[in-house]
PDB file of all heavy atoms in Angstrom:
ATOM      1  N   THR A   1       0.852  -1.189   0.000  1.00  0.00           N
ATOM      2  CA  THR A   1       0.000   0.000   0.000  1.00  0.00           C
ATOM      3  C   THR A   1       0.887   1.238   0.000  1.00  0.00           C
ATOM      4  O   THR A   1       1.840   1.338   0.773  1.00  0.00           O
ATOM      5  CB  THR A   1      -0.918   0.025   1.242  1.00  0.00           C
ATOM      6  OG1 THR A   1      -0.114  -0.105   2.421  1.00  0.00           O
ATOM      7  CG2 THR A   1      -1.917  -1.121   1.198  1.00  0.00           C
ATOM      8  N   SER A   2       0.576   2.183  -0.894  1.00  0.00           N
ATOM      9  CA  SER A   2       1.396   3.377  -1.017  1.00  0.00           C
ATOM     10  C   SER A   2       0.561   4.517  -1.570  1.00  0.00           C
ATOM     11  O   SER A   2      -0.520   4.311  -2.128  1.00  0.00           O
ATOM     12  CB  SER A   2       2.589   3.121  -1.946  1.00  0.00           C
ATOM     13  OG  SER A   2       2.135   2.874  -3.262  1.00  0.00           O
ATOM     14  N   THR A   3       1.073   5.734  -1.422  1.00  0.00           N
ATOM     15  CA  THR A   3       0.370   6.892  -1.966  1.00  0.00           C
ATOM     16  C   THR A   3       0.355   6.841  -3.494  1.00  0.00           C
ATOM     17  O   THR A   3      -0.599   7.290  -4.126  1.00  0.00           O
ATOM     18  CB  THR A   3       1.052   8.192  -1.500  1.00  0.00           C
ATOM     19  OG1 THR A   3       2.464   8.121  -1.784  1.00  0.00           O
ATOM     20  CG2 THR A   3       0.853   8.398  -0.003  1.00  0.00           C
ATOM     21  N   THR A   4       1.408   6.265  -4.092  1.00  0.00           N
ATOM     22  CA  THR A   4       1.446   6.119  -5.546  1.00  0.00           C
ATOM     23  C   THR A   4       0.343   5.184  -6.024  1.00  0.00           C
ATOM     24  O   THR A   4      -0.333   5.453  -7.022  1.00  0.00           O
ATOM     25  CB  THR A   4       2.813   5.571  -6.002  1.00  0.00           C
ATOM     26  OG1 THR A   4       3.848   6.445  -5.555  1.00  0.00           O
ATOM     27  CG2 THR A   4       2.872   5.441  -7.516  1.00  0.00           C
ATOM     28  N   GLY A   5       0.161   4.091  -5.293  1.00  0.00           N
ATOM     29  CA  GLY A   5      -0.901   3.148  -5.629  1.00  0.00           C
ATOM     30  C   GLY A   5      -2.278   3.773  -5.475  1.00  0.00           C
ATOM     31  O   GLY A   5      -3.175   3.539  -6.289  1.00  0.00           O
ATOM     32  N   MET A   6      -2.438   4.574  -4.437  1.00  0.00           N
ATOM     33  CA  MET A   6      -3.704   5.264  -4.228  1.00  0.00           C
ATOM     34  C   MET A   6      -3.990   6.239  -5.363  1.00  0.00           C
ATOM     35  O   MET A   6      -5.124   6.365  -5.832  1.00  0.00           O
ATOM     36  CB  MET A   6      -3.685   6.000  -2.887  1.00  0.00           C
ATOM     37  CG  MET A   6      -3.698   5.092  -1.665  1.00  0.00           C
ATOM     38  SD  MET A   6      -3.449   5.993  -0.116  1.00  0.00           S
ATOM     39  CE  MET A   6      -4.851   7.109  -0.147  1.00  0.00           C
ATOM     40  N   LEU A   7      -2.937   6.943  -5.822  1.00  0.00           N
ATOM     41  CA  LEU A   7      -3.089   7.886  -6.933  1.00  0.00           C
ATOM     42  C   LEU A   7      -3.491   7.157  -8.212  1.00  0.00           C
ATOM     43  O   LEU A   7      -4.399   7.597  -8.931  1.00  0.00           O
ATOM     44  CB  LEU A   7      -1.784   8.646  -7.151  1.00  0.00           C
ATOM     45  CG  LEU A   7      -1.765   9.614  -8.339  1.00  0.00           C
ATOM     46  CD1 LEU A   7      -2.795  10.720  -8.160  1.00  0.00           C
ATOM     47  CD2 LEU A   7      -0.366  10.207  -8.517  1.00  0.00           C
ATOM     48  N   LEU A   8      -2.831   6.044  -8.490  1.00  0.00           N
ATOM     49  CA  LEU A   8      -3.151   5.254  -9.679  1.00  0.00           C
ATOM     50  C   LEU A   8      -4.581   4.735  -9.613  1.00  0.00           C
ATOM     51  O   LEU A   8      -5.321   4.802 -10.611  1.00  0.00           O
ATOM     52  CB  LEU A   8      -2.176   4.079  -9.805  1.00  0.00           C
ATOM     53  CG  LEU A   8      -2.453   3.098 -10.957  1.00  0.00           C
ATOM     54  CD1 LEU A   8      -2.358   3.811 -12.301  1.00  0.00           C
ATOM     55  CD2 LEU A   8      -1.474   1.920 -10.893  1.00  0.00           C
ATOM     56  N   ASP A   9      -4.988   4.249  -8.454  1.00  0.00           N
ATOM     57  CA  ASP A   9      -6.332   3.698  -8.283  1.00  0.00           C
ATOM     58  C   ASP A   9      -7.391   4.776  -8.485  1.00  0.00           C
ATOM     59  O   ASP A   9      -8.375   4.574  -9.208  1.00  0.00           O
ATOM     60  CB  ASP A   9      -6.454   3.083  -6.886  1.00  0.00           C
ATOM     61  CG  ASP A   9      -7.745   2.293  -6.726  1.00  0.00           C
ATOM     62  OD1 ASP A   9      -7.984   1.378  -7.528  1.00  0.00           O
ATOM     63  OD2 ASP A   9      -8.517   2.603  -5.809  1.00  0.00           O
ATOM     64  N   ALA A  10      -7.186   5.933  -7.851  1.00  0.00           N
ATOM     65  CA  ALA A  10      -8.157   7.026  -7.961  1.00  0.00           C
ATOM     66  C   ALA A  10      -8.230   7.556  -9.390  1.00  0.00           C
ATOM     67  O   ALA A  10      -9.308   7.835  -9.910  1.00  0.00           O
ATOM     68  CB  ALA A  10      -7.796   8.146  -6.995  1.00  0.00           C
ATOM     69  N   SER A  11      -7.074   7.680 -10.034  1.00  0.00           N
ATOM     70  CA  SER A  11      -7.030   8.182 -11.410  1.00  0.00           C
ATOM     71  C   SER A  11      -7.716   7.217 -12.367  1.00  0.00           C
ATOM     72  O   SER A  11      -8.452   7.636 -13.274  1.00  0.00           O
ATOM     73  CB  SER A  11      -5.585   8.406 -11.848  1.00  0.00           C
ATOM     74  OG  SER A  11      -4.933   9.336 -11.010  1.00  0.00           O
ATOM     75  N   SER A  12      -7.478   5.921 -12.168  1.00  0.00           N
ATOM     76  CA  SER A  12      -8.101   4.929 -13.053  1.00  0.00           C
ATOM     77  C   SER A  12      -9.615   4.898 -12.862  1.00  0.00           C
ATOM     78  O   SER A  12     -10.363   4.685 -13.823  1.00  0.00           O
ATOM     79  CB  SER A  12      -7.507   3.537 -12.808  1.00  0.00           C
ATOM     80  OG  SER A  12      -7.840   3.057 -11.515  1.00  0.00           O
ATOM     81  N   ASP A  13     -10.072   5.128 -11.640  1.00  0.00           N
ATOM     82  CA  ASP A  13     -11.526   5.175 -11.386  1.00  0.00           C
ATOM     83  C   ASP A  13     -12.186   6.294 -12.184  1.00  0.00           C
ATOM     84  O   ASP A  13     -13.266   6.130 -12.745  1.00  0.00           O
ATOM     85  CB  ASP A  13     -11.806   5.371  -9.893  1.00  0.00           C
ATOM     86  CG  ASP A  13     -11.579   4.107  -9.081  1.00  0.00           C
ATOM     87  OD1 ASP A  13     -11.460   3.028  -9.680  1.00  0.00           O
ATOM     88  OD2 ASP A  13     -11.509   4.211  -7.842  1.00  0.00           O
ATOM     89  N   ARG A  14     -11.518   7.464 -12.218  1.00  0.00           N
ATOM     90  CA  ARG A  14     -12.084   8.580 -12.991  1.00  0.00           C
ATOM     91  C   ARG A  14     -12.081   8.251 -14.485  1.00  0.00           C
ATOM     92  O   ARG A  14     -13.029   8.583 -15.195  1.00  0.00           O
ATOM     93  CB  ARG A  14     -11.268   9.849 -12.743  1.00  0.00           C
ATOM     94  CG  ARG A  14     -11.143  10.321 -11.309  1.00  0.00           C
ATOM     95  CD  ARG A  14     -12.426  10.763 -10.662  1.00  0.00           C
ATOM     96  NE  ARG A  14     -13.279   9.658 -10.257  1.00  0.00           N
ATOM     97  CZ  ARG A  14     -13.042   8.869  -9.204  1.00  0.00           C
ATOM     98  NH1 ARG A  14     -11.971   9.027  -8.464  1.00  0.00           N
ATOM     99  NH2 ARG A  14     -13.899   7.908  -8.887  1.00  0.00           N
ATOM    100  N   ALA A  15     -11.013   7.598 -14.955  1.00  0.00           N
ATOM    101  CA  ALA A  15     -10.936   7.227 -16.370  1.00  0.00           C
ATOM    102  C   ALA A  15     -12.033   6.220 -16.720  1.00  0.00           C
ATOM    103  O   ALA A  15     -12.638   6.287 -17.799  1.00  0.00           O
ATOM    104  CB  ALA A  15      -9.561   6.648 -16.683  1.00  0.00           C
ATOM    105  N   LYS A  16     -12.298   5.284 -15.804  1.00  0.00           N
ATOM    106  CA  LYS A  16     -13.355   4.290 -16.033  1.00  0.00           C
ATOM    107  C   LYS A  16     -14.718   4.963 -16.151  1.00  0.00           C
ATOM    108  O   LYS A  16     -15.509   4.639 -17.055  1.00  0.00           O
ATOM    109  CB  LYS A  16     -13.379   3.284 -14.880  1.00  0.00           C
ATOM    110  CG  LYS A  16     -12.165   2.386 -14.786  1.00  0.00           C
ATOM    111  CD  LYS A  16     -12.220   1.602 -13.497  1.00  0.00           C
ATOM    112  CE  LYS A  16     -10.886   0.972 -13.167  1.00  0.00           C
ATOM    113  NZ  LYS A  16     -10.897   0.337 -11.840  1.00  0.00           N
ATOM    114  N   GLU A  17     -14.988   5.899 -15.248  1.00  0.00           N
ATOM    115  CA  GLU A  17     -16.260   6.611 -15.314  1.00  0.00           C
ATOM    116  C   GLU A  17     -16.379   7.370 -16.629  1.00  0.00           C
ATOM    117  O   GLU A  17     -17.447   7.393 -17.264  1.00  0.00           O
ATOM    118  CB  GLU A  17     -16.399   7.575 -14.131  1.00  0.00           C
ATOM    119  CG  GLU A  17     -16.705   6.881 -12.817  1.00  0.00           C
ATOM    120  CD  GLU A  17     -17.156   7.847 -11.746  1.00  0.00           C
ATOM    121  OE1 GLU A  17     -16.265   8.475 -11.134  1.00  0.00           O
ATOM    122  OE2 GLU A  17     -18.361   7.981 -11.509  1.00  0.00           O
ATOM    123  N   PHE A  18     -15.287   8.000 -17.049  1.00  0.00           N
ATOM    124  CA  PHE A  18     -15.311   8.740 -18.303  1.00  0.00           C
ATOM    125  C   PHE A  18     -15.658   7.822 -19.475  1.00  0.00           C
ATOM    126  O   PHE A  18     -16.478   8.171 -20.334  1.00  0.00           O
ATOM    127  CB  PHE A  18     -13.953   9.407 -18.551  1.00  0.00           C
ATOM    128  CG  PHE A  18     -13.833  10.008 -19.926  1.00  0.00           C
ATOM    129  CD1 PHE A  18     -14.480  11.191 -20.239  1.00  0.00           C
ATOM    130  CD2 PHE A  18     -13.078   9.372 -20.905  1.00  0.00           C
ATOM    131  CE1 PHE A  18     -14.386  11.743 -21.519  1.00  0.00           C
ATOM    132  CE2 PHE A  18     -12.977   9.915 -22.177  1.00  0.00           C
ATOM    133  CZ  PHE A  18     -13.638  11.109 -22.480  1.00  0.00           C
ATOM    134  N   LEU A  19     -15.046   6.631 -19.522  1.00  0.00           N
ATOM    135  CA  LEU A  19     -15.305   5.696 -20.609  1.00  0.00           C
ATOM    136  C   LEU A  19     -16.764   5.244 -20.625  1.00  0.00           C
ATOM    137  O   LEU A  19     -17.377   5.123 -21.699  1.00  0.00           O
ATOM    138  CB  LEU A  19     -14.381   4.477 -20.478  1.00  0.00           C
ATOM    139  CG  LEU A  19     -12.898   4.734 -20.753  1.00  0.00           C
ATOM    140  CD1 LEU A  19     -12.067   3.509 -20.378  1.00  0.00           C
ATOM    141  CD2 LEU A  19     -12.679   5.098 -22.219  1.00  0.00           C
ATOM    142  N   ILE A  20     -17.322   5.015 -19.437  1.00  0.00           N
ATOM    143  CA  ILE A  20     -18.725   4.587 -19.354  1.00  0.00           C
ATOM    144  C   ILE A  20     -19.653   5.682 -19.867  1.00  0.00           C
ATOM    145  O   ILE A  20     -20.535   5.442 -20.709  1.00  0.00           O
ATOM    146  CB  ILE A  20     -19.089   4.210 -17.906  1.00  0.00           C
ATOM    147  CG1 ILE A  20     -18.323   2.956 -17.475  1.00  0.00           C
ATOM    148  CG2 ILE A  20     -20.604   3.974 -17.781  1.00  0.00           C
ATOM    149  CD1 ILE A  20     -18.451   2.629 -16.005  1.00  0.00           C
ATOM    150  N   TYR A  21     -19.451   6.898 -19.376  1.00  0.00           N
ATOM    151  CA  TYR A  21     -20.327   8.002 -19.797  1.00  0.00           C
ATOM    152  C   TYR A  21     -20.107   8.356 -21.264  1.00  0.00           C
ATOM    153  O   TYR A  21     -21.049   8.764 -21.957  1.00  0.00           O
ATOM    154  CB  TYR A  21     -20.116   9.217 -18.900  1.00  0.00           C
ATOM    155  CG  TYR A  21     -20.696   9.044 -17.523  1.00  0.00           C
ATOM    156  CD1 TYR A  21     -19.877   8.997 -16.394  1.00  0.00           C
ATOM    157  CD2 TYR A  21     -22.068   8.912 -17.340  1.00  0.00           C
ATOM    158  CE1 TYR A  21     -20.411   8.824 -15.133  1.00  0.00           C
ATOM    159  CE2 TYR A  21     -22.607   8.738 -16.077  1.00  0.00           C
ATOM    160  CZ  TYR A  21     -21.772   8.694 -14.975  1.00  0.00           C
ATOM    161  OH  TYR A  21     -22.305   8.517 -13.719  1.00  0.00           O
ATOM    162  N   LEU A  22     -18.873   8.198 -21.746  1.00  0.00           N
ATOM    163  CA  LEU A  22     -18.605   8.445 -23.153  1.00  0.00           C
ATOM    164  C   LEU A  22     -19.434   7.504 -24.023  1.00  0.00           C
ATOM    165  O   LEU A  22     -20.025   7.921 -25.033  1.00  0.00           O
ATOM    166  CB  LEU A  22     -17.113   8.250 -23.445  1.00  0.00           C
ATOM    167  CG  LEU A  22     -16.675   8.439 -24.911  1.00  0.00           C
ATOM    168  CD1 LEU A  22     -16.950   9.871 -25.375  1.00  0.00           C
ATOM    169  CD2 LEU A  22     -15.196   8.091 -25.061  1.00  0.00           C
ATOM    170  N   GLY A  23     -19.489   6.242 -23.615  1.00  0.00           N
ATOM    171  CA  GLY A  23     -20.296   5.267 -24.342  1.00  0.00           C
ATOM    172  C   GLY A  23     -21.771   5.616 -24.324  1.00  0.00           C
ATOM    173  O   GLY A  23     -22.458   5.528 -25.350  1.00  0.00           O
ATOM    174  N   LEU A  24     -22.277   6.043 -23.162  1.00  0.00           N
ATOM    175  CA  LEU A  24     -23.688   6.413 -23.049  1.00  0.00           C
ATOM    176  C   LEU A  24     -24.006   7.660 -23.865  1.00  0.00           C
ATOM    177  O   LEU A  24     -25.045   7.740 -24.528  1.00  0.00           O
ATOM    178  CB  LEU A  24     -24.046   6.630 -21.580  1.00  0.00           C
ATOM    179  CG  LEU A  24     -24.081   5.358 -20.713  1.00  0.00           C
ATOM    180  CD1 LEU A  24     -24.251   5.729 -19.241  1.00  0.00           C
ATOM    181  CD2 LEU A  24     -25.203   4.432 -21.166  1.00  0.00           C
ATOM    182  N   ILE A  25     -23.102   8.639 -23.818  1.00  0.00           N
ATOM    183  CA  ILE A  25     -23.312   9.866 -24.601  1.00  0.00           C
ATOM    184  C   ILE A  25     -23.353   9.539 -26.088  1.00  0.00           C
ATOM    185  O   ILE A  25     -24.186  10.070 -26.838  1.00  0.00           O
ATOM    186  CB  ILE A  25     -22.201  10.893 -24.289  1.00  0.00           C
ATOM    187  CG1 ILE A  25     -22.383  11.443 -22.870  1.00  0.00           C
ATOM    188  CG2 ILE A  25     -22.210  12.031 -25.310  1.00  0.00           C
ATOM    189  CD1 ILE A  25     -21.222  12.289 -22.385  1.00  0.00           C
ATOM    190  N   PHE A  26     -22.483   8.634 -26.533  1.00  0.00           N
ATOM    191  CA  PHE A  26     -22.472   8.228 -27.935  1.00  0.00           C
ATOM    192  C   PHE A  26     -23.804   7.585 -28.317  1.00  0.00           C
ATOM    193  O   PHE A  26     -24.370   7.885 -29.376  1.00  0.00           O
ATOM    194  CB  PHE A  26     -21.328   7.246 -28.197  1.00  0.00           C
ATOM    195  CG  PHE A  26     -21.244   6.783 -29.624  1.00  0.00           C
ATOM    196  CD1 PHE A  26     -20.477   7.479 -30.545  1.00  0.00           C
ATOM    197  CD2 PHE A  26     -21.944   5.660 -30.049  1.00  0.00           C
ATOM    198  CE1 PHE A  26     -20.404   7.062 -31.870  1.00  0.00           C
ATOM    199  CE2 PHE A  26     -21.889   5.244 -31.372  1.00  0.00           C
ATOM    200  CZ  PHE A  26     -21.116   5.947 -32.286  1.00  0.00           C
ATOM    201  N   VAL A  27     -24.308   6.697 -27.466  1.00  0.00           N
ATOM    202  CA  VAL A  27     -25.569   6.010 -27.754  1.00  0.00           C
ATOM    203  C   VAL A  27     -26.731   7.002 -27.824  1.00  0.00           C
ATOM    204  O   VAL A  27     -27.547   6.967 -28.762  1.00  0.00           O
ATOM    205  CB  VAL A  27     -25.863   4.938 -26.686  1.00  0.00           C
ATOM    206  CG1 VAL A  27     -27.294   4.411 -26.828  1.00  0.00           C
ATOM    207  CG2 VAL A  27     -24.881   3.785 -26.805  1.00  0.00           C
ATOM    208  N   PHE A  28     -26.798   7.894 -26.836  1.00  0.00           N
ATOM    209  CA  PHE A  28     -27.880   8.883 -26.827  1.00  0.00           C
ATOM    210  C   PHE A  28     -27.796   9.788 -28.060  1.00  0.00           C
ATOM    211  O   PHE A  28     -28.812  10.106 -28.678  1.00  0.00           O
ATOM    212  CB  PHE A  28     -27.824   9.719 -25.549  1.00  0.00           C
ATOM    213  CG  PHE A  28     -28.176   8.950 -24.307  1.00  0.00           C
ATOM    214  CD1 PHE A  28     -27.445   9.126 -23.131  1.00  0.00           C
ATOM    215  CD2 PHE A  28     -29.230   8.062 -24.290  1.00  0.00           C
ATOM    216  CE1 PHE A  28     -27.762   8.424 -21.974  1.00  0.00           C
ATOM    217  CE2 PHE A  28     -29.558   7.341 -23.133  1.00  0.00           C
ATOM    218  CZ  PHE A  28     -28.815   7.527 -21.979  1.00  0.00           C
ATOM    219  N   ALA A  29     -26.577  10.185 -28.415  1.00  0.00           N
ATOM    220  CA  ALA A  29     -26.395  11.044 -29.590  1.00  0.00           C
ATOM    221  C   ALA A  29     -26.774  10.301 -30.867  1.00  0.00           C
ATOM    222  O   ALA A  29     -27.419  10.869 -31.766  1.00  0.00           O
ATOM    223  CB  ALA A  29     -24.952  11.532 -29.661  1.00  0.00           C
ATOM    224  N   ASP A  30     -26.388   9.024 -30.948  1.00  0.00           N
ATOM    225  CA  ASP A  30     -26.691   8.222 -32.128  1.00  0.00           C
ATOM    226  C   ASP A  30     -28.200   8.033 -32.296  1.00  0.00           C
ATOM    227  O   ASP A  30     -28.698   7.920 -33.420  1.00  0.00           O
ATOM    228  CB  ASP A  30     -26.002   6.856 -32.012  1.00  0.00           C
ATOM    229  CG  ASP A  30     -26.062   6.059 -33.309  1.00  0.00           C
ATOM    230  OD1 ASP A  30     -25.700   6.621 -34.362  1.00  0.00           O
ATOM    231  OD2 ASP A  30     -26.470   4.886 -33.270  1.00  0.00           O
ATOM    232  N   ASN A  31     -28.916   8.002 -31.161  1.00  0.00           N
ATOM    233  CA  ASN A  31     -30.374   7.866 -31.194  1.00  0.00           C
ATOM    234  C   ASN A  31     -31.076   9.221 -31.211  1.00  0.00           C
ATOM    235  O   ASN A  31     -32.297   9.287 -31.038  1.00  0.00           O
ATOM    236  CB  ASN A  31     -30.855   7.051 -29.989  1.00  0.00           C
ATOM    237  CG  ASN A  31     -30.422   5.596 -30.072  1.00  0.00           C
ATOM    238  OD1 ASN A  31     -30.376   5.014 -31.153  1.00  0.00           O
ATOM    239  ND2 ASN A  31     -30.081   5.004 -28.937  1.00  0.00           N
ATOM    240  N   GLN A  32     -30.287  10.289 -31.405  1.00  0.00           N
ATOM    241  CA  GLN A  32     -30.809  11.656 -31.458  1.00  0.00           C
ATOM    242  C   GLN A  32     -31.601  12.022 -30.198  1.00  0.00           C
ATOM    243  O   GLN A  32     -32.584  12.748 -30.251  1.00  0.00           O
ATOM    244  CB  GLN A  32     -31.672  11.845 -32.709  1.00  0.00           C
ATOM    245  CG  GLN A  32     -30.900  11.637 -33.998  1.00  0.00           C
ATOM    246  CD  GLN A  32     -31.734  11.898 -35.242  1.00  0.00           C
ATOM    247  OE1 GLN A  32     -32.946  11.984 -35.183  1.00  0.00           O
ATOM    248  NE2 GLN A  32     -31.062  12.033 -36.378  1.00  0.00           N
ATOM    249  N   ASN A  33     -31.119  11.495 -29.066  1.00  0.00           N
ATOM    250  CA  ASN A  33     -31.738  11.779 -27.767  1.00  0.00           C
ATOM    251  C   ASN A  33     -30.921  12.889 -27.094  1.00  0.00           C
ATOM    252  O   ASN A  33     -30.003  12.624 -26.324  1.00  0.00           O
ATOM    253  CB  ASN A  33     -31.759  10.511 -26.911  1.00  0.00           C
ATOM    254  CG  ASN A  33     -32.528  10.691 -25.609  1.00  0.00           C
ATOM    255  OD1 ASN A  33     -32.764  11.814 -25.158  1.00  0.00           O
ATOM    256  ND2 ASN A  33     -32.922   9.589 -25.001  1.00  0.00           N
ATOM    257  N   VAL A  34     -31.271  14.127 -27.415  1.00  0.00           N
ATOM    258  CA  VAL A  34     -30.529  15.274 -26.883  1.00  0.00           C
ATOM    259  C   VAL A  34     -30.637  15.328 -25.364  1.00  0.00           C
ATOM    260  O   VAL A  34     -29.650  15.627 -24.667  1.00  0.00           O
ATOM    261  CB  VAL A  34     -31.043  16.592 -27.504  1.00  0.00           C
ATOM    262  CG1 VAL A  34     -30.323  17.787 -26.892  1.00  0.00           C
ATOM    263  CG2 VAL A  34     -30.870  16.570 -29.014  1.00  0.00           C
ATOM    264  N   PHE A  35     -31.820  15.027 -24.844  1.00  0.00           N
ATOM    265  CA  PHE A  35     -32.013  15.032 -23.385  1.00  0.00           C
ATOM    266  C   PHE A  35     -31.082  14.026 -22.717  1.00  0.00           C
ATOM    267  O   PHE A  35     -30.490  14.304 -21.667  1.00  0.00           O
ATOM    268  CB  PHE A  35     -33.470  14.703 -23.053  1.00  0.00           C
ATOM    269  CG  PHE A  35     -33.766  14.691 -21.581  1.00  0.00           C
ATOM    270  CD1 PHE A  35     -33.857  15.870 -20.854  1.00  0.00           C
ATOM    271  CD2 PHE A  35     -33.949  13.485 -20.910  1.00  0.00           C
ATOM    272  CE1 PHE A  35     -34.118  15.866 -19.492  1.00  0.00           C
ATOM    273  CE2 PHE A  35     -34.216  13.467 -19.551  1.00  0.00           C
ATOM    274  CZ  PHE A  35     -34.303  14.659 -18.841  1.00  0.00           C
ATOM    275  N   GLY A  36     -30.939  12.844 -23.338  1.00  0.00           N
ATOM    276  CA  GLY A  36     -30.046  11.823 -22.789  1.00  0.00           C
ATOM    277  C   GLY A  36     -28.602  12.271 -22.797  1.00  0.00           C
ATOM    278  O   GLY A  36     -27.847  12.015 -21.844  1.00  0.00           O
ATOM    279  N   VAL A  37     -28.175  12.944 -23.877  1.00  0.00           N
ATOM    280  CA  VAL A  37     -26.812  13.456 -23.964  1.00  0.00           C
ATOM    281  C   VAL A  37     -26.547  14.450 -22.840  1.00  0.00           C
ATOM    282  O   VAL A  37     -25.505  14.390 -22.167  1.00  0.00           O
ATOM    283  CB  VAL A  37     -26.564  14.133 -25.333  1.00  0.00           C
ATOM    284  CG1 VAL A  37     -25.218  14.856 -25.339  1.00  0.00           C
ATOM    285  CG2 VAL A  37     -26.619  13.107 -26.456  1.00  0.00           C
ATOM    286  N   VAL A  38     -27.490  15.361 -22.634  1.00  0.00           N
ATOM    287  CA  VAL A  38     -27.346  16.364 -21.572  1.00  0.00           C
ATOM    288  C   VAL A  38     -27.322  15.688 -20.199  1.00  0.00           C
ATOM    289  O   VAL A  38     -26.493  16.008 -19.340  1.00  0.00           O
ATOM    290  CB  VAL A  38     -28.486  17.402 -21.636  1.00  0.00           C
ATOM    291  CG1 VAL A  38     -28.423  18.340 -20.434  1.00  0.00           C
ATOM    292  CG2 VAL A  38     -28.407  18.198 -22.931  1.00  0.00           C
ATOM    293  N   ALA A  39     -28.239  14.723 -19.995  1.00  0.00           N
ATOM    294  CA  ALA A  39     -28.325  14.034 -18.703  1.00  0.00           C
ATOM    295  C   ALA A  39     -27.033  13.284 -18.392  1.00  0.00           C
ATOM    296  O   ALA A  39     -26.529  13.321 -17.256  1.00  0.00           O
ATOM    297  CB  ALA A  39     -29.514  13.064 -18.701  1.00  0.00           C
ATOM    298  N   ALA A  40     -26.472  12.585 -19.390  1.00  0.00           N
ATOM    299  CA  ALA A  40     -25.228  11.840 -19.179  1.00  0.00           C
ATOM    300  C   ALA A  40     -24.057  12.774 -18.914  1.00  0.00           C
ATOM    301  O   ALA A  40     -23.181  12.483 -18.088  1.00  0.00           O
ATOM    302  CB  ALA A  40     -24.939  10.954 -20.393  1.00  0.00           C
ATOM    303  N   THR A  41     -24.046  13.917 -19.600  1.00  0.00           N
ATOM    304  CA  THR A  41     -22.984  14.903 -19.390  1.00  0.00           C
ATOM    305  C   THR A  41     -23.062  15.502 -17.993  1.00  0.00           C
ATOM    306  O   THR A  41     -22.042  15.689 -17.320  1.00  0.00           O
ATOM    307  CB  THR A  41     -23.071  16.020 -20.447  1.00  0.00           C
ATOM    308  OG1 THR A  41     -23.034  15.445 -21.754  1.00  0.00           O
ATOM    309  CG2 THR A  41     -21.922  17.009 -20.289  1.00  0.00           C
ATOM    310  N   VAL A  42     -24.286  15.802 -17.555  1.00  0.00           N
ATOM    311  CA  VAL A  42     -24.487  16.329 -16.199  1.00  0.00           C
ATOM    312  C   VAL A  42     -24.053  15.292 -15.161  1.00  0.00           C
ATOM    313  O   VAL A  42     -23.412  15.629 -14.152  1.00  0.00           O
ATOM    314  CB  VAL A  42     -25.963  16.722 -15.989  1.00  0.00           C
ATOM    315  CG1 VAL A  42     -26.245  17.026 -14.513  1.00  0.00           C
ATOM    316  CG2 VAL A  42     -26.321  17.934 -16.843  1.00  0.00           C
TER     317      VAL A  42
END
């Protein structure tokens, strides 16, 4: 256990969330669901 490991873990968690929301935003945009795009971005 180290501060470096904690930094890597926290940073990867944010990257994972970004990838998930990026996928959802793409789907909503592809389906022309503007409300969904805004909701996922929020």
